[in-house]
């Protein structure tokens, strides 16, 4: 591909960020499930709203968890997922295959097949996914692949696998979904700008609200969004950003700054069922943050409908 990614450059950038792979215990830790008492939000979702980042887990009788998973969540299957969205007023969703299912795409493709056009997906891939496999997954509603760079979720991925994966995405118009901390942005930005495909940064880039809007890493993220038209941002995970806890209003200025930097490339999601969060949010509260992120209806429509429809290709 053009501007072939330099493995040495990528690894050097990641070394600067001091990311060290985690040593997984023999038995992965068990994590809490979502708040079952979902509040009915005051904010009314517009028709066609998209939850651009959510997960389903299990049921394990059909979709066993990966033996190499870094944690064990309670099951959060399609039925609970659909019930939640019904209460929140969400019509469509993008299901992101989390690390608990490894590279098994079937939990996502099964949900898409049963979703009557309401769902699309993002999966994890490795070298076993050849062009024919990816083309079939594209027909099944997959629109991107995800790489995680967090030490608690396994650390830096094999960058050789990453480099070999990227050229496979462009013919399908897929994007690459990236989960890393804000402290990695300055080191990774040059590599990200060279990517030949769109890339989406999870959970607002995980800035720390405690460090304020002027923290250099967050400013580097804003600069990246302004400078690179391939860069997209997920307005998700305020509970991961907040220093004060629910209702996570200290995360609002960060969301607003990101939306202002890339109003046509910002998307919103619940991150249900919220694996590995410092405090478990109520999804009704998360929906009620939307008008604080985007006070006017035009921006709300971009965040909830126009932008995700354009990125993922909903009908």
C-alpha atoms as a PDB file:
ATOM      1  CA  UNK A   1       0.000   0.000   0.000  1.00  0.00           C
ATOM      2  CA  UNK A   2       1.052   3.600  -0.303  1.00  0.00           C
ATOM      3  CA  UNK A   3       2.952   5.014   2.637  1.00  0.00           C
ATOM      4  CA  UNK A   4       3.616   1.560   4.036  1.00  0.00           C
ATOM      5  CA  UNK A   5       3.542   1.638   7.794  1.00  0.00           C
ATOM      6  CA  UNK A   6       6.924   1.319   9.397  1.00  0.00           C
ATOM      7  CA  UNK A   7       6.895  -1.348  12.036  1.00  0.00           C
ATOM      8  CA  UNK A   8       9.909   0.204  13.693  1.00  0.00           C
ATOM      9  CA  UNK A   9       8.174   3.593  13.820  1.00  0.00           C
ATOM     10  CA  UNK A  10       5.009   2.134  15.295  1.00  0.00           C
ATOM     11  CA  UNK A  11       6.843   0.187  17.945  1.00  0.00           C
ATOM     12  CA  UNK A  12       9.003   3.151  18.845  1.00  0.00           C
ATOM     13  CA  UNK A  13       5.920   5.299  19.252  1.00  0.00           C
ATOM     14  CA  UNK A  14       4.318   2.755  21.499  1.00  0.00           C
ATOM     15  CA  UNK A  15       7.471   2.397  23.538  1.00  0.00           C
ATOM     16  CA  UNK A  16       7.415   6.125  24.168  1.00  0.00           C
ATOM     17  CA  UNK A  17       3.915   5.680  25.549  1.00  0.00           C
ATOM     18  CA  UNK A  18       5.267   3.050  27.974  1.00  0.00           C
ATOM     19  CA  UNK A  19       2.582   0.486  27.315  1.00  0.00           C
ATOM     20  CA  UNK A  20       3.508  -2.867  28.845  1.00  0.00           C
ATOM     21  CA  UNK A  21       1.528  -6.042  28.120  1.00  0.00           C
ATOM     22  CA  UNK A  22      -0.394  -7.308  31.095  1.00  0.00           C
ATOM     23  CA  UNK A  23       0.244 -10.720  32.576  1.00  0.00           C
ATOM     24  CA  UNK A  24      -3.142 -12.438  32.719  1.00  0.00           C
ATOM     25  CA  UNK A  25      -4.003 -14.504  35.727  1.00  0.00           C
ATOM     26  CA  UNK A  26      -4.912 -18.163  35.251  1.00  0.00           C
ATOM     27  CA  UNK A  27      -8.516 -17.255  36.038  1.00  0.00           C
ATOM     28  CA  UNK A  28      -9.664 -13.974  34.459  1.00  0.00           C
ATOM     29  CA  UNK A  29     -11.220 -11.597  36.996  1.00  0.00           C
ATOM     30  CA  UNK A  30     -15.003 -11.456  37.098  1.00  0.00           C
ATOM     31  CA  UNK A  31     -16.399  -7.963  36.449  1.00  0.00           C
ATOM     32  CA  UNK A  32     -19.809  -6.471  37.300  1.00  0.00           C
ATOM     33  CA  UNK A  33     -22.699  -6.364  34.877  1.00  0.00           C
ATOM     34  CA  UNK A  34     -24.681  -3.281  33.824  1.00  0.00           C
ATOM     35  CA  UNK A  35     -27.170  -1.445  36.007  1.00  0.00           C
ATOM     36  CA  UNK A  36     -30.411  -3.432  35.499  1.00  0.00           C
ATOM     37  CA  UNK A  37     -32.671  -0.531  36.567  1.00  0.00           C
ATOM     38  CA  UNK A  38     -32.324   1.561  33.410  1.00  0.00           C
ATOM     39  CA  UNK A  39     -33.866   4.999  33.832  1.00  0.00           C
ATOM     40  CA  UNK A  40     -36.133   6.293  31.117  1.00  0.00           C
ATOM     41  CA  UNK A  41     -34.215   9.340  29.856  1.00  0.00           C
ATOM     42  CA  UNK A  42     -35.708  12.811  29.666  1.00  0.00           C
ATOM     43  CA  UNK A  43     -33.967  13.403  26.323  1.00  0.00           C
ATOM     44  CA  UNK A  44     -36.033  12.019  23.448  1.00  0.00           C
ATOM     45  CA  UNK A  45     -33.928  10.345  20.798  1.00  0.00           C
ATOM     46  CA  UNK A  46     -34.644  11.373  17.204  1.00  0.00           C
ATOM     47  CA  UNK A  47     -36.027   8.682  14.927  1.00  0.00           C
ATOM     48  CA  UNK A  48     -33.225   6.625  13.428  1.00  0.00           C
ATOM     49  CA  UNK A  49     -30.723   7.321  16.242  1.00  0.00           C
ATOM     50  CA  UNK A  50     -27.644   5.084  16.274  1.00  0.00           C
ATOM     51  CA  UNK A  51     -25.800   3.724  19.309  1.00  0.00           C
ATOM     52  CA  UNK A  52     -22.366   3.594  17.663  1.00  0.00           C
ATOM     53  CA  UNK A  53     -20.552   1.590  20.344  1.00  0.00           C
ATOM     54  CA  UNK A  54     -22.124  -1.261  22.253  1.00  0.00           C
ATOM     55  CA  UNK A  55     -21.349  -4.895  23.024  1.00  0.00           C
ATOM     56  CA  UNK A  56     -23.137  -8.178  23.533  1.00  0.00           C
ATOM     57  CA  UNK A  57     -21.699 -11.034  25.623  1.00  0.00           C
ATOM     58  CA  UNK A  58     -22.856 -14.609  25.131  1.00  0.00           C
ATOM     59  CA  UNK A  59     -24.931 -16.543  25.780  1.00  0.00           C
ATOM     60  CA  UNK A  60     -21.987 -18.840  26.371  1.00  0.00           C
ATOM     61  CA  UNK A  61     -23.982 -21.899  25.342  1.00  0.00           C
ATOM     62  CA  UNK A  62     -23.955 -20.442  21.820  1.00  0.00           C
ATOM     63  CA  UNK A  63     -20.944 -18.110  21.895  1.00  0.00           C
ATOM     64  CA  UNK A  64     -18.317 -19.260  24.413  1.00  0.00           C
ATOM     65  CA  UNK A  65     -15.929 -16.720  25.865  1.00  0.00           C
ATOM     66  CA  UNK A  66     -12.342 -16.845  24.658  1.00  0.00           C
ATOM     67  CA  UNK A  67      -9.989 -18.818  26.927  1.00  0.00           C
ATOM     68  CA  UNK A  68      -7.504 -15.950  26.498  1.00  0.00           C
ATOM     69  CA  UNK A  69      -9.976 -13.272  27.641  1.00  0.00           C
ATOM     70  CA  UNK A  70      -8.629 -10.686  30.102  1.00  0.00           C
ATOM     71  CA  UNK A  71     -11.851 -10.634  32.171  1.00  0.00           C
ATOM     72  CA  UNK A  72     -15.120 -12.513  32.606  1.00  0.00           C
ATOM     73  CA  UNK A  73     -18.338 -10.479  32.357  1.00  0.00           C
ATOM     74  CA  UNK A  74     -21.866 -11.586  33.149  1.00  0.00           C
ATOM     75  CA  UNK A  75     -23.763 -12.525  30.033  1.00  0.00           C
ATOM     76  CA  UNK A  76     -25.335  -9.575  28.222  1.00  0.00           C
ATOM     77  CA  UNK A  77     -27.043 -11.219  25.238  1.00  0.00           C
ATOM     78  CA  UNK A  78     -29.074  -9.810  22.383  1.00  0.00           C
ATOM     79  CA  UNK A  79     -32.387  -9.921  24.221  1.00  0.00           C
ATOM     80  CA  UNK A  80     -31.204  -7.663  27.055  1.00  0.00           C
ATOM     81  CA  UNK A  81     -29.504  -5.414  24.509  1.00  0.00           C
ATOM     82  CA  UNK A  82     -32.722  -4.964  22.512  1.00  0.00           C
ATOM     83  CA  UNK A  83     -34.753  -4.313  25.648  1.00  0.00           C
ATOM     84  CA  UNK A  84     -32.319  -1.612  26.738  1.00  0.00           C
ATOM     85  CA  UNK A  85     -32.488   0.157  23.392  1.00  0.00           C
ATOM     86  CA  UNK A  86     -36.271   0.010  23.441  1.00  0.00           C
ATOM     87  CA  UNK A  87     -36.321   1.839  26.759  1.00  0.00           C
ATOM     88  CA  UNK A  88     -33.761   4.417  25.606  1.00  0.00           C
ATOM     89  CA  UNK A  89     -35.489   5.051  22.276  1.00  0.00           C
ATOM     90  CA  UNK A  90     -32.532   3.912  20.150  1.00  0.00           C
ATOM     91  CA  UNK A  91     -33.400   2.471  16.731  1.00  0.00           C
ATOM     92  CA  UNK A  92     -30.036   1.267  15.396  1.00  0.00           C
ATOM     93  CA  UNK A  93     -26.680   0.141  16.765  1.00  0.00           C
ATOM     94  CA  UNK A  94     -23.113  -0.844  15.979  1.00  0.00           C
ATOM     95  CA  UNK A  95     -22.039  -3.924  17.926  1.00  0.00           C
ATOM     96  CA  UNK A  96     -18.324  -3.945  18.705  1.00  0.00           C
ATOM     97  CA  UNK A  97     -16.820  -7.332  19.466  1.00  0.00           C
ATOM     98  CA  UNK A  98     -15.008  -6.915  22.774  1.00  0.00           C
ATOM     99  CA  UNK A  99     -11.907  -8.835  23.862  1.00  0.00           C
ATOM    100  CA  UNK A 100     -13.988 -11.342  25.825  1.00  0.00           C
ATOM    101  CA  UNK A 101     -14.934 -13.038  22.526  1.00  0.00           C
ATOM    102  CA  UNK A 102     -11.480 -12.717  20.950  1.00  0.00           C
ATOM    103  CA  UNK A 103     -11.614 -12.934  17.160  1.00  0.00           C
ATOM    104  CA  UNK A 104     -14.879 -14.911  17.081  1.00  0.00           C
ATOM    105  CA  UNK A 105     -17.167 -12.714  14.977  1.00  0.00           C
ATOM    106  CA  UNK A 106     -20.237 -14.935  15.279  1.00  0.00           C
ATOM    107  CA  UNK A 107     -21.814 -13.145  18.303  1.00  0.00           C
ATOM    108  CA  UNK A 108     -21.884  -9.994  16.181  1.00  0.00           C
ATOM    109  CA  UNK A 109     -22.909 -11.496  12.842  1.00  0.00           C
ATOM    110  CA  UNK A 110     -25.679 -13.507  14.531  1.00  0.00           C
ATOM    111  CA  UNK A 111     -27.089 -10.335  16.106  1.00  0.00           C
ATOM    112  CA  UNK A 112     -26.886  -8.486  12.794  1.00  0.00           C
ATOM    113  CA  UNK A 113     -28.713 -11.294  11.009  1.00  0.00           C
ATOM    114  CA  UNK A 114     -31.504 -11.141  13.583  1.00  0.00           C
ATOM    115  CA  UNK A 115     -31.643  -7.356  13.646  1.00  0.00           C
ATOM    116  CA  UNK A 116     -33.680  -6.752  10.485  1.00  0.00           C
ATOM    117  CA  UNK A 117     -31.280  -4.086   9.242  1.00  0.00           C
ATOM    118  CA  UNK A 118     -30.954  -2.298  12.592  1.00  0.00           C
ATOM    119  CA  UNK A 119     -27.438  -3.487  13.420  1.00  0.00           C
ATOM    120  CA  UNK A 120     -23.948  -3.405  11.928  1.00  0.00           C
ATOM    121  CA  UNK A 121     -20.685  -4.500  13.507  1.00  0.00           C
ATOM    122  CA  UNK A 122     -16.986  -4.063  14.211  1.00  0.00           C
ATOM    123  CA  UNK A 123     -14.809  -7.100  14.969  1.00  0.00           C
ATOM    124  CA  UNK A 124     -11.277  -8.104  15.959  1.00  0.00           C
ATOM    125  CA  UNK A 125      -9.148  -9.802  13.311  1.00  0.00           C
ATOM    126  CA  UNK A 126      -5.795 -11.521  12.961  1.00  0.00           C
ATOM    127  CA  UNK A 127      -3.800 -13.028  10.096  1.00  0.00           C
ATOM    128  CA  UNK A 128      -6.289 -15.883   9.701  1.00  0.00           C
ATOM    129  CA  UNK A 129      -8.790 -13.448   8.137  1.00  0.00           C
ATOM    130  CA  UNK A 130      -8.037 -13.543   4.409  1.00  0.00           C
ATOM    131  CA  UNK A 131      -9.649 -11.396   1.725  1.00  0.00           C
ATOM    132  CA  UNK A 132     -12.438 -13.898   1.050  1.00  0.00           C
ATOM    133  CA  UNK A 133     -13.303 -14.148   4.756  1.00  0.00           C
ATOM    134  CA  UNK A 134     -13.401 -10.382   5.126  1.00  0.00           C
ATOM    135  CA  UNK A 135     -15.557 -10.016   2.017  1.00  0.00           C
ATOM    136  CA  UNK A 136     -18.068 -12.481   3.464  1.00  0.00           C
ATOM    137  CA  UNK A 137     -18.062 -10.603   6.781  1.00  0.00           C
ATOM    138  CA  UNK A 138     -18.694  -7.385   4.884  1.00  0.00           C
ATOM    139  CA  UNK A 139     -21.772  -9.003   3.314  1.00  0.00           C
ATOM    140  CA  UNK A 140     -22.854  -9.987   6.837  1.00  0.00           C
ATOM    141  CA  UNK A 141     -22.751  -6.383   8.025  1.00  0.00           C
ATOM    142  CA  UNK A 142     -19.246  -5.920   9.440  1.00  0.00           C
ATOM    143  CA  UNK A 143     -17.851  -2.450   8.759  1.00  0.00           C
ATOM    144  CA  UNK A 144     -14.518  -2.276  10.569  1.00  0.00           C
ATOM    145  CA  UNK A 145     -11.965  -3.977  12.775  1.00  0.00           C
ATOM    146  CA  UNK A 146     -10.707  -3.071  16.226  1.00  0.00           C
ATOM    147  CA  UNK A 147      -7.265  -3.028  17.816  1.00  0.00           C
ATOM    148  CA  UNK A 148      -6.801  -2.476  21.554  1.00  0.00           C
ATOM    149  CA  UNK A 149      -3.659  -0.877  22.998  1.00  0.00           C
ATOM    150  CA  UNK A 150      -4.429  -1.035  26.740  1.00  0.00           C
ATOM    151  CA  UNK A 151      -2.133  -2.929  29.091  1.00  0.00           C
ATOM    152  CA  UNK A 152      -5.062  -4.215  31.167  1.00  0.00           C
ATOM    153  CA  UNK A 153      -6.555  -5.733  27.990  1.00  0.00           C
ATOM    154  CA  UNK A 154      -3.376  -7.374  26.783  1.00  0.00           C
ATOM    155  CA  UNK A 155      -1.099  -4.480  25.855  1.00  0.00           C
ATOM    156  CA  UNK A 156       0.194  -3.514  22.436  1.00  0.00           C
ATOM    157  CA  UNK A 157      -1.088  -5.724  19.614  1.00  0.00           C
ATOM    158  CA  UNK A 158       1.338  -7.435  17.287  1.00  0.00           C
ATOM    159  CA  UNK A 159       2.158  -4.491  15.046  1.00  0.00           C
ATOM    160  CA  UNK A 160       3.114  -6.815  12.192  1.00  0.00           C
ATOM    161  CA  UNK A 161      -0.463  -8.154  12.272  1.00  0.00           C
ATOM    162  CA  UNK A 162      -1.732  -4.568  12.426  1.00  0.00           C
ATOM    163  CA  UNK A 163       0.320  -3.586   9.381  1.00  0.00           C
ATOM    164  CA  UNK A 164      -0.856  -6.605   7.393  1.00  0.00           C
ATOM    165  CA  UNK A 165      -4.483  -5.943   8.337  1.00  0.00           C
ATOM    166  CA  UNK A 166      -4.674  -2.318   7.228  1.00  0.00           C
ATOM    167  CA  UNK A 167      -4.341  -2.916   3.437  1.00  0.00           C
ATOM    168  CA  UNK A 168      -7.191  -5.437   3.631  1.00  0.00           C
ATOM    169  CA  UNK A 169      -9.619  -2.788   4.876  1.00  0.00           C
ATOM    170  CA  UNK A 170      -9.485  -0.246   2.067  1.00  0.00           C
ATOM    171  CA  UNK A 171     -11.165  -2.377  -0.665  1.00  0.00           C
ATOM    172  CA  UNK A 172     -14.118  -2.907   1.688  1.00  0.00           C
ATOM    173  CA  UNK A 173     -14.278   0.744   2.790  1.00  0.00           C
ATOM    174  CA  UNK A 174     -13.804  -0.447   6.373  1.00  0.00           C
ATOM    175  CA  UNK A 175     -12.328   1.701   9.121  1.00  0.00           C
ATOM    176  CA  UNK A 176      -9.994   0.696  11.952  1.00  0.00           C
ATOM    177  CA  UNK A 177     -11.254   1.211  15.498  1.00  0.00           C
ATOM    178  CA  UNK A 178      -8.519   2.092  18.022  1.00  0.00           C
ATOM    179  CA  UNK A 179      -8.709   1.872  21.793  1.00  0.00           C
ATOM    180  CA  UNK A 180      -5.858   3.606  23.581  1.00  0.00           C
ATOM    181  CA  UNK A 181      -5.149   6.215  26.231  1.00  0.00           C
ATOM    182  CA  UNK A 182      -4.673   9.921  25.580  1.00  0.00           C
ATOM    183  CA  UNK A 183      -1.039   9.729  26.651  1.00  0.00           C
ATOM    184  CA  UNK A 184      -0.329   7.724  23.499  1.00  0.00           C
ATOM    185  CA  UNK A 185      -1.656  10.359  21.084  1.00  0.00           C
ATOM    186  CA  UNK A 186       1.509  12.472  20.632  1.00  0.00           C
ATOM    187  CA  UNK A 187       3.636   9.426  19.860  1.00  0.00           C
ATOM    188  CA  UNK A 188       1.072   7.735  17.620  1.00  0.00           C
ATOM    189  CA  UNK A 189      -0.181  10.760  15.680  1.00  0.00           C
ATOM    190  CA  UNK A 190       2.402  10.556  12.853  1.00  0.00           C
ATOM    191  CA  UNK A 191       1.557   6.895  12.241  1.00  0.00           C
ATOM    192  CA  UNK A 192      -2.178   7.579  12.391  1.00  0.00           C
ATOM    193  CA  UNK A 193      -1.933  10.338   9.824  1.00  0.00           C
ATOM    194  CA  UNK A 194      -0.253   7.903   7.407  1.00  0.00           C
ATOM    195  CA  UNK A 195      -3.043   5.334   7.643  1.00  0.00           C
ATOM    196  CA  UNK A 196      -4.732   4.884   4.252  1.00  0.00           C
ATOM    197  CA  UNK A 197      -8.131   4.260   5.863  1.00  0.00           C
ATOM    198  CA  UNK A 198     -10.411   6.087   8.261  1.00  0.00           C
ATOM    199  CA  UNK A 199      -9.740   5.456  11.937  1.00  0.00           C
ATOM    200  CA  UNK A 200     -12.032   5.878  14.923  1.00  0.00           C
ATOM    201  CA  UNK A 201     -10.722   6.609  18.422  1.00  0.00           C
ATOM    202  CA  UNK A 202     -12.733   5.057  21.241  1.00  0.00           C
ATOM    203  CA  UNK A 203     -14.055   6.701  24.394  1.00  0.00           C
ATOM    204  CA  UNK A 204     -12.974  10.293  23.709  1.00  0.00           C
ATOM    205  CA  UNK A 205      -9.345   9.155  23.742  1.00  0.00           C
ATOM    206  CA  UNK A 206      -9.593   8.506  27.507  1.00  0.00           C
ATOM    207  CA  UNK A 207      -8.429  11.896  28.781  1.00  0.00           C
ATOM    208  CA  UNK A 208      -8.486  12.498  32.513  1.00  0.00           C
ATOM    209  CA  UNK A 209     -11.054  15.139  33.406  1.00  0.00           C
ATOM    210  CA  UNK A 210      -9.023  15.833  36.529  1.00  0.00           C
ATOM    211  CA  UNK A 211      -6.201  17.239  34.359  1.00  0.00           C
ATOM    212  CA  UNK A 212      -8.416  19.756  32.564  1.00  0.00           C
ATOM    213  CA  UNK A 213      -8.946  20.690  28.939  1.00  0.00           C
ATOM    214  CA  UNK A 214      -5.460  22.175  28.569  1.00  0.00           C
ATOM    215  CA  UNK A 215      -3.642  18.910  29.246  1.00  0.00           C
ATOM    216  CA  UNK A 216      -1.150  18.421  26.374  1.00  0.00           C
ATOM    217  CA  UNK A 217      -2.347  14.949  25.420  1.00  0.00           C
ATOM    218  CA  UNK A 218      -5.945  16.095  24.976  1.00  0.00           C
ATOM    219  CA  UNK A 219      -4.813  19.135  23.019  1.00  0.00           C
ATOM    220  CA  UNK A 220      -2.824  16.774  20.767  1.00  0.00           C
ATOM    221  CA  UNK A 221      -6.007  14.780  20.174  1.00  0.00           C
ATOM    222  CA  UNK A 222      -7.934  17.925  19.244  1.00  0.00           C
ATOM    223  CA  UNK A 223      -5.165  18.913  16.845  1.00  0.00           C
ATOM    224  CA  UNK A 224      -5.222  15.467  15.242  1.00  0.00           C
ATOM    225  CA  UNK A 225      -8.983  15.695  14.683  1.00  0.00           C
ATOM    226  CA  UNK A 226      -8.670  19.131  13.118  1.00  0.00           C
ATOM    227  CA  UNK A 227      -5.760  18.174  10.863  1.00  0.00           C
ATOM    228  CA  UNK A 228      -6.686  14.689   9.649  1.00  0.00           C
ATOM    229  CA  UNK A 229      -9.974  14.176   7.809  1.00  0.00           C
ATOM    230  CA  UNK A 230      -9.592  10.420   8.327  1.00  0.00           C
ATOM    231  CA  UNK A 231      -9.824  10.788  12.115  1.00  0.00           C
ATOM    232  CA  UNK A 232     -13.154  10.118  13.853  1.00  0.00           C
ATOM    233  CA  UNK A 233     -13.979  10.231  17.559  1.00  0.00           C
ATOM    234  CA  UNK A 234     -16.470   8.341  19.720  1.00  0.00           C
ATOM    235  CA  UNK A 235     -18.283  10.399  22.307  1.00  0.00           C
ATOM    236  CA  UNK A 236     -18.556   7.458  24.667  1.00  0.00           C
ATOM    237  CA  UNK A 237     -17.377   6.444  28.103  1.00  0.00           C
ATOM    238  CA  UNK A 238     -17.869   9.595  30.218  1.00  0.00           C
ATOM    239  CA  UNK A 239     -17.581   7.345  33.269  1.00  0.00           C
ATOM    240  CA  UNK A 240     -14.061   6.461  32.082  1.00  0.00           C
ATOM    241  CA  UNK A 241     -13.123  10.144  31.750  1.00  0.00           C
ATOM    242  CA  UNK A 242     -14.816  11.592  34.828  1.00  0.00           C
ATOM    243  CA  UNK A 243     -13.017  12.347  38.069  1.00  0.00           C
ATOM    244  CA  UNK A 244     -16.192  13.195  40.015  1.00  0.00           C
ATOM    245  CA  UNK A 245     -18.435  10.233  39.172  1.00  0.00           C
ATOM    246  CA  UNK A 246     -22.103  10.147  38.201  1.00  0.00           C
ATOM    247  CA  UNK A 247     -23.699  11.972  36.469  1.00  0.00           C
ATOM    248  CA  UNK A 248     -20.251  12.589  34.846  1.00  0.00           C
ATOM    249  CA  UNK A 249     -20.831  16.237  34.011  1.00  0.00           C
ATOM    250  CA  UNK A 250     -17.097  16.951  34.307  1.00  0.00           C
ATOM    251  CA  UNK A 251     -16.688  14.935  31.078  1.00  0.00           C
ATOM    252  CA  UNK A 252     -19.065  17.242  29.183  1.00  0.00           C
ATOM    253  CA  UNK A 253     -16.479  19.959  28.313  1.00  0.00           C
ATOM    254  CA  UNK A 254     -14.233  17.290  26.778  1.00  0.00           C
ATOM    255  CA  UNK A 255     -17.064  15.927  24.653  1.00  0.00           C
ATOM    256  CA  UNK A 256     -18.027  19.411  23.504  1.00  0.00           C
ATOM    257  CA  UNK A 257     -14.437  20.270  22.569  1.00  0.00           C
ATOM    258  CA  UNK A 258     -14.124  17.055  20.539  1.00  0.00           C
ATOM    259  CA  UNK A 259     -17.415  17.655  18.719  1.00  0.00           C
ATOM    260  CA  UNK A 260     -16.361  21.227  17.949  1.00  0.00           C
ATOM    261  CA  UNK A 261     -13.049  19.965  16.546  1.00  0.00           C
ATOM    262  CA  UNK A 262     -14.728  17.398  14.260  1.00  0.00           C
ATOM    263  CA  UNK A 263     -18.481  18.025  14.065  1.00  0.00           C
ATOM    264  CA  UNK A 264     -18.854  15.794  11.000  1.00  0.00           C
ATOM    265  CA  UNK A 265     -16.713  12.977  12.430  1.00  0.00           C
ATOM    266  CA  UNK A 266     -18.047  12.565  15.962  1.00  0.00           C
ATOM    267  CA  UNK A 267     -20.372   9.685  16.873  1.00  0.00           C
ATOM    268  CA  UNK A 268     -22.127   8.714  20.111  1.00  0.00           C
ATOM    269  CA  UNK A 269     -22.651   5.420  21.910  1.00  0.00           C
ATOM    270  CA  UNK A 270     -23.589   3.871  25.243  1.00  0.00           C
ATOM    271  CA  UNK A 271     -20.734   1.326  25.590  1.00  0.00           C
ATOM    272  CA  UNK A 272     -23.316  -1.012  27.181  1.00  0.00           C
ATOM    273  CA  UNK A 273     -22.788  -3.257  29.162  1.00  0.00           C
ATOM    274  CA  UNK A 274     -19.827  -1.120  30.311  1.00  0.00           C
ATOM    275  CA  UNK A 275     -17.007  -3.603  30.892  1.00  0.00           C
ATOM    276  CA  UNK A 276     -14.176  -2.578  33.229  1.00  0.00           C
ATOM    277  CA  UNK A 277     -15.501   0.830  34.255  1.00  0.00           C
ATOM    278  CA  UNK A 278     -14.499   2.682  37.456  1.00  0.00           C
ATOM    279  CA  UNK A 279     -18.182   3.240  38.325  1.00  0.00           C
ATOM    280  CA  UNK A 280     -21.177   1.586  36.687  1.00  0.00           C
ATOM    281  CA  UNK A 281     -23.324   4.191  34.888  1.00  0.00           C
ATOM    282  CA  UNK A 282     -27.038   4.124  34.311  1.00  0.00           C
ATOM    283  CA  UNK A 283     -27.708   4.224  30.586  1.00  0.00           C
ATOM    284  CA  UNK A 284     -30.614   6.620  31.021  1.00  0.00           C
ATOM    285  CA  UNK A 285     -28.200   9.120  32.582  1.00  0.00           C
ATOM    286  CA  UNK A 286     -25.813   8.682  29.653  1.00  0.00           C
ATOM    287  CA  UNK A 287     -28.571   9.532  27.175  1.00  0.00           C
ATOM    288  CA  UNK A 288     -29.417  12.645  29.186  1.00  0.00           C
ATOM    289  CA  UNK A 289     -25.856  13.900  28.686  1.00  0.00           C
ATOM    290  CA  UNK A 290     -26.427  14.192  24.918  1.00  0.00           C
ATOM    291  CA  UNK A 291     -28.054  17.651  24.966  1.00  0.00           C
ATOM    292  CA  UNK A 292     -25.189  18.831  27.155  1.00  0.00           C
ATOM    293  CA  UNK A 293     -22.670  17.550  24.614  1.00  0.00           C
ATOM    294  CA  UNK A 294     -24.631  18.956  21.678  1.00  0.00           C
ATOM    295  CA  UNK A 295     -27.161  21.624  22.721  1.00  0.00           C
ATOM    296  CA  UNK A 296     -28.627  22.293  19.262  1.00  0.00           C
ATOM    297  CA  UNK A 297     -30.728  19.874  17.221  1.00  0.00           C
ATOM    298  CA  UNK A 298     -28.537  20.111  14.117  1.00  0.00           C
ATOM    299  CA  UNK A 299     -25.456  18.910  16.020  1.00  0.00           C
ATOM    300  CA  UNK A 300     -27.483  16.235  17.786  1.00  0.00           C
ATOM    301  CA  UNK A 301     -28.596  14.915  14.412  1.00  0.00           C
ATOM    302  CA  UNK A 302     -25.005  14.766  13.173  1.00  0.00           C
ATOM    303  CA  UNK A 303     -23.865  12.947  16.314  1.00  0.00           C
ATOM    304  CA  UNK A 304     -26.724  10.455  16.417  1.00  0.00           C
ATOM    305  CA  UNK A 305     -27.733   9.946  12.773  1.00  0.00           C
ATOM    306  CA  UNK A 306     -25.858  11.642   9.943  1.00  0.00           C
ATOM    307  CA  UNK A 307     -22.297  10.853  11.013  1.00  0.00           C
ATOM    308  CA  UNK A 308     -22.793   7.171  11.960  1.00  0.00           C
ATOM    309  CA  UNK A 309     -24.896   6.539   8.858  1.00  0.00           C
ATOM    310  CA  UNK A 310     -22.068   7.919   6.716  1.00  0.00           C
ATOM    311  CA  UNK A 311     -19.296   6.062   8.546  1.00  0.00           C
ATOM    312  CA  UNK A 312     -20.942   2.665   8.860  1.00  0.00           C
ATOM    313  CA  UNK A 313     -23.187   2.709   5.796  1.00  0.00           C
ATOM    314  CA  UNK A 314     -26.594   2.143   7.331  1.00  0.00           C
ATOM    315  CA  UNK A 315     -29.361   1.965   4.761  1.00  0.00           C
END
